[in-house]
């Protein structure tokens, strides 16, 4: 429902999301507007395993700064997939360079109400050198309409400040109203991120994301206050 980029990539279909976003920041006292296309297109005439990818896929719930860094086009080729694991080759494409990489994913149930998802990606960029991104999501279904997620991400590379890490806890709650046909889901979250060289915490973040369908099932509106 929230359109997590990491999950959209593995759907067995073409899927595009067109986003228009406006952001206001208290410190800058300025508005920022942006239109973004993300998702993937299957290329069956070339290969059933090959996909054209928009705006990268560095994990779920990116901040706005991270989203801006992810505006790119690339190719994703599925090398192997089974019930729990998957291996993809990636190739980011810009006007000035190519960004080759490899991505591994493993996911599955831990128990009836608990699941895990682990992804690891190794990539090369001319300005960043080699770097790797690891992410672990732990999900617990509190009820049919509530999901608790603990998400942890670590980036380490030639140009990173040691290990750049982020930990986030969120609870997603689907609010049912039998008189309304469009869904409303709220995600409450808290996050902290930092680096290890030198070792310090860069930021704490609290917020809530309200998302609901309007007019049609394919049209969504979001509102996200955060501090």
C-alpha atoms as a PDB file:
ATOM      1  CA  UNK A   1       0.000   0.000   0.000  1.00  0.00           C
ATOM      2  CA  UNK A   2       2.883   2.373   0.734  1.00  0.00           C
ATOM      3  CA  UNK A   3       4.797   1.350  -2.383  1.00  0.00           C
ATOM      4  CA  UNK A   4       8.100   0.396  -0.756  1.00  0.00           C
ATOM      5  CA  UNK A   5      10.755   0.596  -3.519  1.00  0.00           C
ATOM      6  CA  UNK A   6      12.612  -2.528  -2.402  1.00  0.00           C
ATOM      7  CA  UNK A   7       9.451  -4.625  -2.689  1.00  0.00           C
ATOM      8  CA  UNK A   8       8.094  -3.089  -5.911  1.00  0.00           C
ATOM      9  CA  UNK A   9      11.174  -4.215  -7.840  1.00  0.00           C
ATOM     10  CA  UNK A  10      10.379  -7.887  -7.316  1.00  0.00           C
ATOM     11  CA  UNK A  11       6.741  -7.884  -8.384  1.00  0.00           C
ATOM     12  CA  UNK A  12       6.082 -10.143 -11.361  1.00  0.00           C
ATOM     13  CA  UNK A  13       4.731  -7.253 -13.433  1.00  0.00           C
ATOM     14  CA  UNK A  14       5.560  -3.809 -14.724  1.00  0.00           C
ATOM     15  CA  UNK A  15       4.748  -1.148 -12.149  1.00  0.00           C
ATOM     16  CA  UNK A  16       5.260   2.621 -12.338  1.00  0.00           C
ATOM     17  CA  UNK A  17       4.527   5.262  -9.706  1.00  0.00           C
ATOM     18  CA  UNK A  18       4.331   8.939 -10.637  1.00  0.00           C
ATOM     19  CA  UNK A  19       4.813  11.195  -7.605  1.00  0.00           C
ATOM     20  CA  UNK A  20       4.367  14.918  -7.155  1.00  0.00           C
ATOM     21  CA  UNK A  21       5.678  16.175  -3.825  1.00  0.00           C
ATOM     22  CA  UNK A  22       5.903  19.556  -2.133  1.00  0.00           C
ATOM     23  CA  UNK A  23       7.991  19.957   1.018  1.00  0.00           C
ATOM     24  CA  UNK A  24       8.357  22.734   3.580  1.00  0.00           C
ATOM     25  CA  UNK A  25      11.276  22.854   6.000  1.00  0.00           C
ATOM     26  CA  UNK A  26      11.240  25.097   9.083  1.00  0.00           C
ATOM     27  CA  UNK A  27      14.999  25.740   8.984  1.00  0.00           C
ATOM     28  CA  UNK A  28      15.080  26.825   5.334  1.00  0.00           C
ATOM     29  CA  UNK A  29      11.611  28.440   5.424  1.00  0.00           C
ATOM     30  CA  UNK A  30      11.182  27.486   1.797  1.00  0.00           C
ATOM     31  CA  UNK A  31       9.009  25.204  -0.327  1.00  0.00           C
ATOM     32  CA  UNK A  32      10.430  22.556  -2.625  1.00  0.00           C
ATOM     33  CA  UNK A  33       8.382  20.939  -5.384  1.00  0.00           C
ATOM     34  CA  UNK A  34       9.386  17.869  -7.334  1.00  0.00           C
ATOM     35  CA  UNK A  35       7.954  15.356  -9.790  1.00  0.00           C
ATOM     36  CA  UNK A  36       9.416  11.849  -9.635  1.00  0.00           C
ATOM     37  CA  UNK A  37       8.921   8.647 -11.607  1.00  0.00           C
ATOM     38  CA  UNK A  38       9.887   5.337 -10.030  1.00  0.00           C
ATOM     39  CA  UNK A  39       9.191   1.660 -10.522  1.00  0.00           C
ATOM     40  CA  UNK A  40      10.111  -0.771 -13.260  1.00  0.00           C
ATOM     41  CA  UNK A  41       9.218  -1.874 -16.770  1.00  0.00           C
ATOM     42  CA  UNK A  42       9.702  -5.465 -17.858  1.00  0.00           C
ATOM     43  CA  UNK A  43      11.467  -5.929 -21.197  1.00  0.00           C
ATOM     44  CA  UNK A  44      10.131  -9.319 -22.391  1.00  0.00           C
ATOM     45  CA  UNK A  45      11.204  -8.778 -26.005  1.00  0.00           C
ATOM     46  CA  UNK A  46      14.816  -8.515 -24.837  1.00  0.00           C
ATOM     47  CA  UNK A  47      14.666 -10.979 -21.909  1.00  0.00           C
ATOM     48  CA  UNK A  48      12.055 -12.093 -19.372  1.00  0.00           C
ATOM     49  CA  UNK A  49      14.675 -11.535 -16.666  1.00  0.00           C
ATOM     50  CA  UNK A  50      15.536  -7.939 -17.643  1.00  0.00           C
ATOM     51  CA  UNK A  51      13.835  -4.834 -16.218  1.00  0.00           C
ATOM     52  CA  UNK A  52      14.202  -1.094 -16.808  1.00  0.00           C
ATOM     53  CA  UNK A  53      14.295   0.568 -13.371  1.00  0.00           C
ATOM     54  CA  UNK A  54      13.557   4.193 -12.452  1.00  0.00           C
ATOM     55  CA  UNK A  55      14.871   6.055  -9.375  1.00  0.00           C
ATOM     56  CA  UNK A  56      17.000   3.345  -7.823  1.00  0.00           C
ATOM     57  CA  UNK A  57      16.065   0.983  -4.969  1.00  0.00           C
ATOM     58  CA  UNK A  58      18.170   1.720  -1.898  1.00  0.00           C
ATOM     59  CA  UNK A  59      15.594   0.469   0.546  1.00  0.00           C
ATOM     60  CA  UNK A  60      12.328   1.463   2.132  1.00  0.00           C
ATOM     61  CA  UNK A  61      11.229   4.780   3.590  1.00  0.00           C
ATOM     62  CA  UNK A  62      13.986   6.983   2.199  1.00  0.00           C
ATOM     63  CA  UNK A  63      14.304  10.547   3.454  1.00  0.00           C
ATOM     64  CA  UNK A  64      13.815  13.352   0.938  1.00  0.00           C
ATOM     65  CA  UNK A  65      17.591  13.910   0.658  1.00  0.00           C
ATOM     66  CA  UNK A  66      18.083  10.216  -0.101  1.00  0.00           C
ATOM     67  CA  UNK A  67      15.267  10.270  -2.657  1.00  0.00           C
ATOM     68  CA  UNK A  68      16.975  13.154  -4.470  1.00  0.00           C
ATOM     69  CA  UNK A  69      20.173  11.110  -4.681  1.00  0.00           C
ATOM     70  CA  UNK A  70      18.202   8.168  -6.093  1.00  0.00           C
ATOM     71  CA  UNK A  71      16.751   9.897  -9.163  1.00  0.00           C
ATOM     72  CA  UNK A  72      18.291   7.725 -11.848  1.00  0.00           C
ATOM     73  CA  UNK A  73      17.583   5.120 -14.504  1.00  0.00           C
ATOM     74  CA  UNK A  74      19.080   1.661 -14.589  1.00  0.00           C
ATOM     75  CA  UNK A  75      18.802  -1.974 -15.615  1.00  0.00           C
ATOM     76  CA  UNK A  76      18.104  -4.930 -13.338  1.00  0.00           C
ATOM     77  CA  UNK A  77      18.733  -8.522 -14.461  1.00  0.00           C
ATOM     78  CA  UNK A  78      17.449 -11.420 -12.357  1.00  0.00           C
ATOM     79  CA  UNK A  79      20.194 -14.059 -12.256  1.00  0.00           C
ATOM     80  CA  UNK A  80      18.502 -16.539  -9.919  1.00  0.00           C
ATOM     81  CA  UNK A  81      15.460 -16.741  -7.657  1.00  0.00           C
ATOM     82  CA  UNK A  82      13.964 -19.377  -5.380  1.00  0.00           C
ATOM     83  CA  UNK A  83      11.465 -19.437  -2.521  1.00  0.00           C
ATOM     84  CA  UNK A  84      13.560 -17.325  -0.119  1.00  0.00           C
ATOM     85  CA  UNK A  85      16.509 -15.823  -2.001  1.00  0.00           C
ATOM     86  CA  UNK A  86      17.143 -13.818  -5.140  1.00  0.00           C
ATOM     87  CA  UNK A  87      20.250 -12.497  -6.954  1.00  0.00           C
ATOM     88  CA  UNK A  88      20.172  -9.554  -9.381  1.00  0.00           C
ATOM     89  CA  UNK A  89      22.765  -7.751 -11.459  1.00  0.00           C
ATOM     90  CA  UNK A  90      22.223  -3.975 -11.594  1.00  0.00           C
ATOM     91  CA  UNK A  91      23.494  -1.236 -13.884  1.00  0.00           C
ATOM     92  CA  UNK A  92      22.803   2.401 -13.080  1.00  0.00           C
ATOM     93  CA  UNK A  93      22.909   4.643 -16.148  1.00  0.00           C
ATOM     94  CA  UNK A  94      23.635   8.389 -16.336  1.00  0.00           C
ATOM     95  CA  UNK A  95      24.882  10.688 -19.090  1.00  0.00           C
ATOM     96  CA  UNK A  96      28.435  10.506 -17.718  1.00  0.00           C
ATOM     97  CA  UNK A  97      28.928   7.011 -16.300  1.00  0.00           C
ATOM     98  CA  UNK A  98      27.688   3.478 -15.643  1.00  0.00           C
ATOM     99  CA  UNK A  99      27.209   2.132 -12.095  1.00  0.00           C
ATOM    100  CA  UNK A 100      27.526  -1.680 -12.071  1.00  0.00           C
ATOM    101  CA  UNK A 101      26.458  -3.699  -9.048  1.00  0.00           C
ATOM    102  CA  UNK A 102      25.095  -6.954  -7.660  1.00  0.00           C
ATOM    103  CA  UNK A 103      22.179  -7.379  -5.238  1.00  0.00           C
ATOM    104  CA  UNK A 104      21.235 -10.306  -2.976  1.00  0.00           C
ATOM    105  CA  UNK A 105      17.956 -10.750  -1.098  1.00  0.00           C
ATOM    106  CA  UNK A 106      16.764 -13.356   1.404  1.00  0.00           C
ATOM    107  CA  UNK A 107      13.355 -13.264   3.097  1.00  0.00           C
ATOM    108  CA  UNK A 108      10.837 -15.520   4.767  1.00  0.00           C
ATOM    109  CA  UNK A 109       8.773 -16.289   7.868  1.00  0.00           C
ATOM    110  CA  UNK A 110      10.290 -16.676  11.331  1.00  0.00           C
ATOM    111  CA  UNK A 111       7.028 -17.716  12.946  1.00  0.00           C
ATOM    112  CA  UNK A 112       3.312 -17.311  12.271  1.00  0.00           C
ATOM    113  CA  UNK A 113       3.352 -13.554  12.978  1.00  0.00           C
ATOM    114  CA  UNK A 114       7.008 -12.661  12.314  1.00  0.00           C
ATOM    115  CA  UNK A 115       8.976 -12.265   9.091  1.00  0.00           C
ATOM    116  CA  UNK A 116      12.420 -11.084   8.063  1.00  0.00           C
ATOM    117  CA  UNK A 117      13.873  -9.560   4.900  1.00  0.00           C
ATOM    118  CA  UNK A 118      17.607  -9.077   4.298  1.00  0.00           C
ATOM    119  CA  UNK A 119      19.168  -7.362   1.292  1.00  0.00           C
ATOM    120  CA  UNK A 120      22.832  -6.727   0.484  1.00  0.00           C
ATOM    121  CA  UNK A 121      24.074  -4.761  -2.495  1.00  0.00           C
ATOM    122  CA  UNK A 122      27.614  -4.125  -3.762  1.00  0.00           C
ATOM    123  CA  UNK A 123      28.030  -1.280  -6.240  1.00  0.00           C
ATOM    124  CA  UNK A 124      30.686   0.872  -7.894  1.00  0.00           C
ATOM    125  CA  UNK A 125      30.420   4.596  -8.685  1.00  0.00           C
ATOM    126  CA  UNK A 126      33.220   6.796  -9.983  1.00  0.00           C
ATOM    127  CA  UNK A 127      32.819   9.444  -7.248  1.00  0.00           C
ATOM    128  CA  UNK A 128      32.131   6.964  -4.399  1.00  0.00           C
ATOM    129  CA  UNK A 129      34.282   3.973  -5.405  1.00  0.00           C
ATOM    130  CA  UNK A 130      33.085   0.562  -4.199  1.00  0.00           C
ATOM    131  CA  UNK A 131      30.465   0.541  -1.453  1.00  0.00           C
ATOM    132  CA  UNK A 132      28.007  -1.935  -0.001  1.00  0.00           C
ATOM    133  CA  UNK A 133      24.535  -1.421   1.458  1.00  0.00           C
ATOM    134  CA  UNK A 134      22.937  -3.913   3.833  1.00  0.00           C
ATOM    135  CA  UNK A 135      19.393  -3.742   5.145  1.00  0.00           C
ATOM    136  CA  UNK A 136      17.462  -5.956   7.548  1.00  0.00           C
ATOM    137  CA  UNK A 137      13.708  -5.609   8.116  1.00  0.00           C
ATOM    138  CA  UNK A 138      11.972  -7.457  10.948  1.00  0.00           C
ATOM    139  CA  UNK A 139       8.170  -7.447  10.727  1.00  0.00           C
ATOM    140  CA  UNK A 140       5.590  -8.494  13.308  1.00  0.00           C
ATOM    141  CA  UNK A 141       1.870  -8.622  12.573  1.00  0.00           C
ATOM    142  CA  UNK A 142       0.161  -7.242  15.685  1.00  0.00           C
ATOM    143  CA  UNK A 143      -3.273  -7.847  14.192  1.00  0.00           C
ATOM    144  CA  UNK A 144      -4.926  -8.082  10.794  1.00  0.00           C
ATOM    145  CA  UNK A 145      -4.640  -4.289  10.447  1.00  0.00           C
ATOM    146  CA  UNK A 146      -1.420  -3.455  12.356  1.00  0.00           C
ATOM    147  CA  UNK A 147       2.180  -4.153  11.373  1.00  0.00           C
ATOM    148  CA  UNK A 148       5.267  -3.344  13.455  1.00  0.00           C
ATOM    149  CA  UNK A 149       8.552  -3.018  11.524  1.00  0.00           C
ATOM    150  CA  UNK A 150      12.125  -2.602  12.754  1.00  0.00           C
ATOM    151  CA  UNK A 151      14.356  -1.587   9.853  1.00  0.00           C
ATOM    152  CA  UNK A 152      18.169  -1.340  10.032  1.00  0.00           C
ATOM    153  CA  UNK A 153      20.499  -0.181   7.274  1.00  0.00           C
ATOM    154  CA  UNK A 154      24.309   0.089   7.054  1.00  0.00           C
ATOM    155  CA  UNK A 155      26.357   1.619   4.212  1.00  0.00           C
ATOM    156  CA  UNK A 156      30.115   1.054   4.077  1.00  0.00           C
ATOM    157  CA  UNK A 157      32.503   2.033   1.305  1.00  0.00           C
ATOM    158  CA  UNK A 158      35.735   3.628   0.189  1.00  0.00           C
ATOM    159  CA  UNK A 159      34.368   7.174   0.681  1.00  0.00           C
ATOM    160  CA  UNK A 160      31.905   6.593   3.548  1.00  0.00           C
ATOM    161  CA  UNK A 161      32.446   7.906   7.098  1.00  0.00           C
ATOM    162  CA  UNK A 162      33.123   4.444   8.453  1.00  0.00           C
ATOM    163  CA  UNK A 163      29.814   2.615   8.611  1.00  0.00           C
ATOM    164  CA  UNK A 164      26.882   4.959   7.962  1.00  0.00           C
ATOM    165  CA  UNK A 165      23.923   3.448   9.803  1.00  0.00           C
ATOM    166  CA  UNK A 166      20.222   4.034  10.355  1.00  0.00           C
ATOM    167  CA  UNK A 167      17.690   2.302  12.606  1.00  0.00           C
ATOM    168  CA  UNK A 168      13.945   2.894  12.342  1.00  0.00           C
ATOM    169  CA  UNK A 169      10.868   1.557  14.120  1.00  0.00           C
ATOM    170  CA  UNK A 170       7.450   2.078  12.557  1.00  0.00           C
ATOM    171  CA  UNK A 171       3.916   0.909  13.159  1.00  0.00           C
ATOM    172  CA  UNK A 172       1.493   0.826  10.234  1.00  0.00           C
ATOM    173  CA  UNK A 173      -2.198   0.873  11.030  1.00  0.00           C
ATOM    174  CA  UNK A 174      -4.955   0.342   8.453  1.00  0.00           C
ATOM    175  CA  UNK A 175      -8.098   2.231   9.491  1.00  0.00           C
ATOM    176  CA  UNK A 176     -11.189   0.459   8.231  1.00  0.00           C
ATOM    177  CA  UNK A 177     -14.459   2.249   7.581  1.00  0.00           C
ATOM    178  CA  UNK A 178     -17.153   0.024   6.037  1.00  0.00           C
ATOM    179  CA  UNK A 179     -18.970   3.107   4.705  1.00  0.00           C
ATOM    180  CA  UNK A 180     -15.924   4.249   2.715  1.00  0.00           C
ATOM    181  CA  UNK A 181     -14.439   2.292  -0.166  1.00  0.00           C
ATOM    182  CA  UNK A 182     -10.992   3.954  -0.116  1.00  0.00           C
ATOM    183  CA  UNK A 183      -8.363   2.825   2.396  1.00  0.00           C
ATOM    184  CA  UNK A 184      -6.580   5.056   4.908  1.00  0.00           C
ATOM    185  CA  UNK A 185      -3.306   3.825   6.437  1.00  0.00           C
ATOM    186  CA  UNK A 186      -1.174   5.630   9.027  1.00  0.00           C
ATOM    187  CA  UNK A 187       2.493   4.913   9.741  1.00  0.00           C
ATOM    188  CA  UNK A 188       3.971   6.237  12.996  1.00  0.00           C
ATOM    189  CA  UNK A 189       7.760   6.126  13.130  1.00  0.00           C
ATOM    190  CA  UNK A 190      10.914   7.036  14.984  1.00  0.00           C
ATOM    191  CA  UNK A 191      14.407   6.857  13.506  1.00  0.00           C
ATOM    192  CA  UNK A 192      18.029   7.539  14.402  1.00  0.00           C
ATOM    193  CA  UNK A 193      21.077   7.651  12.125  1.00  0.00           C
ATOM    194  CA  UNK A 194      24.795   8.209  12.493  1.00  0.00           C
ATOM    195  CA  UNK A 195      28.319   7.236  11.442  1.00  0.00           C
ATOM    196  CA  UNK A 196      31.210   5.357  13.047  1.00  0.00           C
ATOM    197  CA  UNK A 197      34.220   7.384  11.787  1.00  0.00           C
ATOM    198  CA  UNK A 198      34.163   9.565  13.799  1.00  0.00           C
ATOM    199  CA  UNK A 199      31.532   7.857  15.957  1.00  0.00           C
ATOM    200  CA  UNK A 200      28.506  10.093  16.514  1.00  0.00           C
ATOM    201  CA  UNK A 201      24.751  10.253  16.035  1.00  0.00           C
ATOM    202  CA  UNK A 202      23.748  12.660  13.264  1.00  0.00           C
ATOM    203  CA  UNK A 203      20.004  12.946  13.730  1.00  0.00           C
ATOM    204  CA  UNK A 204      16.853  11.743  15.473  1.00  0.00           C
ATOM    205  CA  UNK A 205      13.529  11.814  13.645  1.00  0.00           C
ATOM    206  CA  UNK A 206       9.893  11.399  14.710  1.00  0.00           C
ATOM    207  CA  UNK A 207       6.907  11.549  12.408  1.00  0.00           C
ATOM    208  CA  UNK A 208       3.745  10.096  10.979  1.00  0.00           C
ATOM    209  CA  UNK A 209       2.718   9.342   7.415  1.00  0.00           C
ATOM    210  CA  UNK A 210      -0.967   9.442   6.458  1.00  0.00           C
ATOM    211  CA  UNK A 211      -1.806   7.817   3.110  1.00  0.00           C
ATOM    212  CA  UNK A 212      -5.209   7.231   1.553  1.00  0.00           C
ATOM    213  CA  UNK A 213      -6.779   6.483  -1.769  1.00  0.00           C
ATOM    214  CA  UNK A 214      -8.856   9.249  -3.356  1.00  0.00           C
ATOM    215  CA  UNK A 215     -11.351   9.024  -6.229  1.00  0.00           C
ATOM    216  CA  UNK A 216      -9.726   5.937  -7.782  1.00  0.00           C
ATOM    217  CA  UNK A 217      -7.808   2.948  -6.431  1.00  0.00           C
ATOM    218  CA  UNK A 218      -4.661   4.019  -8.310  1.00  0.00           C
ATOM    219  CA  UNK A 219      -4.660   7.599  -6.926  1.00  0.00           C
ATOM    220  CA  UNK A 220      -3.137   8.318  -3.497  1.00  0.00           C
ATOM    221  CA  UNK A 221      -2.621  11.355  -1.303  1.00  0.00           C
ATOM    222  CA  UNK A 222      -0.016  11.598   1.479  1.00  0.00           C
ATOM    223  CA  UNK A 223       0.628  13.966   4.349  1.00  0.00           C
ATOM    224  CA  UNK A 224       3.787  13.544   6.465  1.00  0.00           C
ATOM    225  CA  UNK A 225       4.519  15.855   9.426  1.00  0.00           C
ATOM    226  CA  UNK A 226       7.887  15.108  11.045  1.00  0.00           C
ATOM    227  CA  UNK A 227      10.469  16.590  13.381  1.00  0.00           C
END
